Protein backbone atom coordinates (compact mmCIF):
# COMPACT_ATOMS: atom_id res chain seq x y z
CA UNK A 1 -0.10 -0.03 0.09
CA UNK A 2 1.53 3.62 -0.78
CA UNK A 3 1.81 5.92 1.82
CA UNK A 4 -0.41 8.83 1.88
CA UNK A 5 0.61 12.15 -0.19
CA UNK A 6 -2.06 14.01 1.13
CA UNK A 7 -1.07 17.12 3.46
CA UNK A 8 -4.66 18.33 4.03
CA UNK A 9 -7.64 16.43 5.36
CA UNK A 10 -10.75 15.93 3.10
CA UNK A 11 -14.10 17.10 3.82
CA UNK A 12 -17.41 16.67 1.85
CA UNK A 13 -20.05 19.61 1.25
CA UNK A 14 -22.94 18.11 0.59
CA UNK A 15 -24.68 19.27 -2.74
CA UNK A 16 -21.66 21.42 -3.68
CA UNK A 17 -21.23 21.67 -7.47
CA UNK A 18 -18.71 23.65 -9.71
CA UNK A 19 -18.18 24.39 -13.26
CA UNK A 20 -14.69 24.91 -14.55
CA UNK A 21 -12.86 26.89 -17.49
CA UNK A 22 -9.61 25.02 -18.88
CA UNK A 23 -6.83 27.19 -20.16
CA UNK A 24 -5.91 26.56 -23.82
CA UNK A 25 -2.17 26.67 -25.02
CA UNK A 26 -3.21 28.41 -27.98
CA UNK A 27 -3.55 32.12 -27.50
CA UNK A 28 -3.33 31.56 -23.53
CA UNK A 29 -7.34 31.67 -23.44
CA UNK A 30 -9.57 30.27 -21.09
CA UNK A 31 -12.48 27.67 -22.57
CA UNK A 32 -16.07 27.85 -20.48
CA UNK A 33 -17.37 24.63 -19.63
CA UNK A 34 -21.06 25.26 -18.73
CA UNK A 35 -21.47 21.80 -17.31
CA UNK A 36 -22.21 21.43 -13.61
CA UNK A 37 -20.28 18.79 -11.90
CA UNK A 38 -20.62 17.68 -8.43
CA UNK A 39 -17.90 17.73 -5.78
CA UNK A 40 -17.11 14.66 -4.22
CA UNK A 41 -14.54 16.05 -1.67
CA UNK A 42 -11.94 18.82 -0.92
CA UNK A 43 -9.39 20.07 0.94
CA UNK A 44 -7.26 23.18 1.49
CA UNK A 45 -5.08 21.98 -0.97
CA UNK A 46 -7.40 20.42 -3.86
CA UNK A 47 -10.53 18.87 -4.90
CA UNK A 48 -12.40 15.81 -6.50
CA UNK A 49 -15.31 16.05 -8.93
CA UNK A 50 -17.28 14.26 -11.54
CA UNK A 51 -17.73 15.09 -15.04
CA UNK A 52 -19.15 13.91 -18.10
CA UNK A 53 -15.90 15.19 -20.03
CA UNK A 54 -12.51 14.22 -19.79
CA UNK A 55 -9.76 16.84 -18.81
CA UNK A 56 -6.03 15.91 -19.49
CA UNK A 57 -3.76 15.56 -16.55
CA UNK A 58 -1.47 18.68 -16.21
CA UNK A 59 -4.44 21.05 -17.53
CA UNK A 60 -4.86 24.37 -15.78
CA UNK A 61 -8.35 25.14 -14.77
CA UNK A 62 -10.34 28.09 -13.09
CA UNK A 63 -13.15 26.65 -11.05
CA UNK A 64 -16.00 28.37 -9.63
CA UNK A 65 -17.46 26.48 -6.62
CA UNK A 66 -20.94 26.86 -5.76
CA UNK A 67 -22.03 25.92 -2.26
CA UNK A 68 -25.69 24.86 -1.59
CA UNK A 69 -28.24 27.02 0.24
CA UNK A 70 -25.87 29.82 -0.49
CA UNK A 71 -27.18 32.97 -2.50
CA UNK A 72 -23.46 34.55 -2.56
CA UNK A 73 -21.09 34.71 -5.37
CA UNK A 74 -19.39 31.28 -6.34
CA UNK A 75 -15.77 30.91 -4.85
CA UNK A 76 -12.98 31.11 -7.66
CA UNK A 77 -10.22 28.66 -7.45
CA UNK A 78 -7.01 28.22 -9.60
CA UNK A 79 -5.79 24.71 -10.08
CA UNK A 80 -4.20 22.14 -12.03
CA UNK A 81 -5.78 18.49 -12.58
CA UNK A 82 -3.51 16.01 -11.54
CA UNK A 83 -5.73 13.00 -12.16
CA UNK A 84 -8.37 11.94 -14.40
CA UNK A 85 -10.16 8.57 -14.75
CA UNK A 86 -13.12 6.73 -15.70
CA UNK A 87 -16.01 6.83 -13.02
CA UNK A 88 -17.46 3.25 -13.08
CA UNK A 89 -20.89 2.78 -11.53
CA UNK A 90 -21.59 6.63 -11.42
CA UNK A 91 -23.88 8.25 -13.60
CA UNK A 92 -20.73 10.55 -14.61
CA UNK A 93 -18.11 9.38 -16.76
CA UNK A 94 -15.00 10.80 -15.51
CA UNK A 95 -13.67 11.54 -12.12
CA UNK A 96 -11.07 14.12 -11.62
CA UNK A 97 -8.68 15.45 -9.04
CA UNK A 98 -7.24 19.25 -8.92
CA UNK A 99 -4.51 20.44 -7.12
CA UNK A 100 -4.99 24.29 -5.98
CA UNK A 101 -2.60 26.82 -7.03
CA UNK A 102 -0.54 28.01 -4.38
CA UNK A 103 -2.06 31.12 -2.26
CA UNK A 104 -0.04 34.23 -2.63
CA UNK A 105 0.16 37.56 -4.54
CA UNK A 106 2.12 36.24 -7.57
CA UNK A 107 0.21 36.06 -11.01
CA UNK A 108 -1.88 32.65 -11.36
CA UNK A 109 -1.60 32.35 -7.38
CA UNK A 110 -4.97 32.06 -5.56
CA UNK A 111 -5.65 35.23 -3.23
CA UNK A 112 -4.85 34.52 0.49
CA UNK A 113 -8.34 35.66 1.39
CA UNK A 114 -9.44 32.66 -0.37
CA UNK A 115 -7.37 30.35 2.17
CA UNK A 116 -9.21 31.78 4.66
CA UNK A 117 -12.92 30.97 3.13
CA UNK A 118 -11.58 27.71 2.76
CA UNK A 119 -10.27 27.29 6.28
CA UNK A 120 -13.85 28.20 7.32
CA UNK A 121 -15.45 25.66 5.27
CA UNK A 122 -13.23 23.20 6.46
CA UNK A 123 -14.00 23.75 9.93
CA UNK A 124 -17.68 23.77 9.36
CA UNK A 125 -17.56 20.62 7.29
CA UNK A 126 -14.61 18.44 8.47
CA UNK A 127 -16.49 17.40 11.53
CA UNK A 128 -19.81 16.67 10.08
CA UNK A 129 -17.69 14.35 7.30
CA UNK A 130 -15.97 12.78 10.42
CA UNK A 131 -19.25 11.73 12.18
CA UNK A 132 -20.61 10.15 8.73
CA UNK A 133 -17.76 8.03 8.56
């Protein structure tokens, strides 16, 4: 059995969904994907989700995370797809894993304030996730 690489604990936000934009190499533009994808779990370092479309590992993505029962703006997160596989037995064809970009002031980094939002979500949902296991 391989040792666990994950540095952050996962938690589940029931009903959370996302859509994403892929950055294309040609013209350095992003392409919208209007697909609504269910989020399986997440952590401060990344998330996993289901999709009908394949995404190549290594693809840079900008994610809009929609929280259930929240009418606020979606949380926008930059990251990179690190895993993509077929999702057998699910109503979605693919399962993807995304590493979040670092938090900081540099170009293509996530804003530091985003980390605080994610920590709040972690505190709220991590204990619920542990109780359900």
